N, C-alpha and C. Protein backbone atom coordinates (compact mmCIF):
# COMPACT_ATOMS: atom_id res chain seq x y z
N MET A 1 50.84 -39.84 194.17
CA MET A 1 50.87 -41.33 194.66
C MET A 1 52.16 -41.69 194.69
N LEU A 2 52.68 -42.08 196.07
CA LEU A 2 54.13 -42.51 196.07
C LEU A 2 53.71 -44.10 195.54
N GLN A 3 55.00 -44.48 195.01
CA GLN A 3 55.18 -46.16 194.77
C GLN A 3 56.27 -46.56 195.57
N GLU A 4 56.11 -47.97 195.44
CA GLU A 4 57.17 -48.84 196.20
C GLU A 4 58.25 -48.41 195.85
N GLY A 5 59.50 -47.82 196.77
CA GLY A 5 60.99 -47.34 196.03
C GLY A 5 61.11 -45.65 196.21
N ASP A 6 59.74 -45.17 196.21
CA ASP A 6 60.05 -43.96 196.13
C ASP A 6 60.49 -43.25 197.41
N THR A 7 61.12 -42.19 197.56
CA THR A 7 61.84 -41.45 198.51
C THR A 7 60.38 -40.81 199.28
N ALA A 8 60.30 -41.33 200.74
CA ALA A 8 59.40 -40.74 200.85
C ALA A 8 59.01 -38.95 201.69
N PRO A 9 58.04 -38.02 201.67
CA PRO A 9 58.20 -36.76 201.97
C PRO A 9 58.78 -36.85 203.00
N ASP A 10 59.34 -35.94 203.66
CA ASP A 10 59.89 -35.54 205.02
C ASP A 10 58.92 -34.83 205.88
N PHE A 11 58.77 -35.24 207.00
CA PHE A 11 57.42 -34.65 208.10
C PHE A 11 58.37 -34.96 209.36
N SER A 12 57.48 -34.18 209.78
CA SER A 12 58.09 -34.55 211.69
C SER A 12 56.84 -34.78 212.06
N ALA A 13 57.23 -35.32 213.39
CA ALA A 13 56.20 -36.41 213.99
C ALA A 13 56.69 -36.55 215.81
N VAL A 14 55.60 -36.64 216.59
CA VAL A 14 55.94 -37.07 217.77
C VAL A 14 55.71 -38.34 218.28
N ASP A 15 56.99 -39.44 218.76
CA ASP A 15 56.56 -40.26 219.14
C ASP A 15 55.71 -40.65 220.52
N HIS A 16 55.65 -41.79 220.97
CA HIS A 16 54.64 -41.83 222.46
C HIS A 16 55.31 -41.20 223.66
N ASN A 17 56.78 -41.30 223.24
CA ASN A 17 57.70 -40.80 224.81
C ASN A 17 57.81 -39.09 224.38
N GLY A 18 56.77 -38.39 223.49
CA GLY A 18 57.06 -37.13 223.38
C GLY A 18 58.09 -36.63 222.60
N ASN A 19 58.75 -37.40 222.11
CA ASN A 19 60.44 -37.01 221.74
C ASN A 19 59.84 -36.69 219.63
N GLU A 20 60.39 -35.69 219.53
CA GLU A 20 60.02 -35.43 218.00
C GLU A 20 61.01 -35.74 217.23
N PHE A 21 60.20 -36.40 215.87
CA PHE A 21 61.47 -37.10 215.13
C PHE A 21 61.34 -36.16 213.76
N ARG A 22 62.22 -36.39 212.71
CA ARG A 22 61.79 -36.24 211.45
C ARG A 22 61.70 -37.34 210.39
N MET A 23 61.06 -37.62 209.29
CA MET A 23 61.28 -39.02 208.63
C MET A 23 62.88 -38.79 208.02
N SER A 24 63.15 -37.78 207.81
CA SER A 24 64.53 -37.81 207.09
C SER A 24 65.71 -38.33 208.26
N ASP A 25 65.52 -38.28 209.72
CA ASP A 25 66.17 -38.78 210.03
C ASP A 25 66.60 -40.27 209.92
N PHE A 26 65.84 -41.30 209.43
CA PHE A 26 65.97 -42.40 208.87
C PHE A 26 66.23 -43.00 207.55
N LYS A 27 66.96 -41.87 207.03
CA LYS A 27 67.12 -42.27 205.75
C LYS A 27 68.33 -43.50 205.69
N GLY A 28 67.77 -44.37 204.44
CA GLY A 28 68.50 -45.12 204.20
C GLY A 28 67.95 -46.38 204.82
N LYS A 29 67.37 -46.23 206.06
CA LYS A 29 66.70 -47.42 206.53
C LYS A 29 65.26 -47.68 206.54
N LYS A 30 64.82 -49.05 206.50
CA LYS A 30 63.51 -49.44 206.57
C LYS A 30 62.23 -48.67 207.81
N VAL A 31 61.20 -48.20 207.60
CA VAL A 31 60.47 -47.85 208.66
C VAL A 31 58.89 -48.12 208.41
N TRP A 32 58.80 -48.74 209.84
CA TRP A 32 57.38 -48.79 209.44
C TRP A 32 56.36 -48.03 210.65
N LEU A 33 55.31 -47.31 209.62
CA LEU A 33 55.00 -46.41 210.37
C LEU A 33 53.24 -46.60 210.80
N TRP A 34 53.23 -46.44 212.09
CA TRP A 34 51.86 -46.67 212.55
C TRP A 34 50.90 -45.25 212.93
N PHE A 35 49.75 -44.95 212.10
CA PHE A 35 48.98 -43.98 212.63
C PHE A 35 47.76 -44.33 213.07
N PHE A 36 47.11 -43.89 213.89
CA PHE A 36 45.61 -44.13 214.34
C PHE A 36 45.03 -42.83 214.75
N SER A 37 43.65 -42.72 215.14
CA SER A 37 43.09 -41.93 215.85
C SER A 37 42.03 -42.47 216.73
N SER A 38 41.58 -41.69 217.65
CA SER A 38 40.07 -41.96 218.27
C SER A 38 38.93 -41.36 217.69
N PRO A 39 38.14 -41.72 218.17
CA PRO A 39 36.38 -41.29 217.42
C PRO A 39 36.36 -40.24 218.31
N GLY A 40 35.61 -39.36 218.23
CA GLY A 40 34.85 -38.17 219.04
C GLY A 40 35.70 -37.00 219.03
N GLY A 41 36.59 -36.58 218.03
CA GLY A 41 36.77 -35.27 218.18
C GLY A 41 38.33 -34.97 219.10
N GLY A 42 38.42 -35.75 220.19
CA GLY A 42 39.21 -35.37 220.73
C GLY A 42 39.31 -34.40 221.84
N ASN A 43 38.23 -34.34 222.10
CA ASN A 43 37.50 -33.14 223.29
C ASN A 43 37.42 -34.05 224.54
């Protein structure tokens, strides 16, 4: 489990414009992440 001040694990994701980014792109900056899902299985 991560604690406040720990280094975040590196991962990639896609923003709402379809651009891929990596967590490491924001090294040294404060980052707020908001993840969500919709019910129904995405079909």
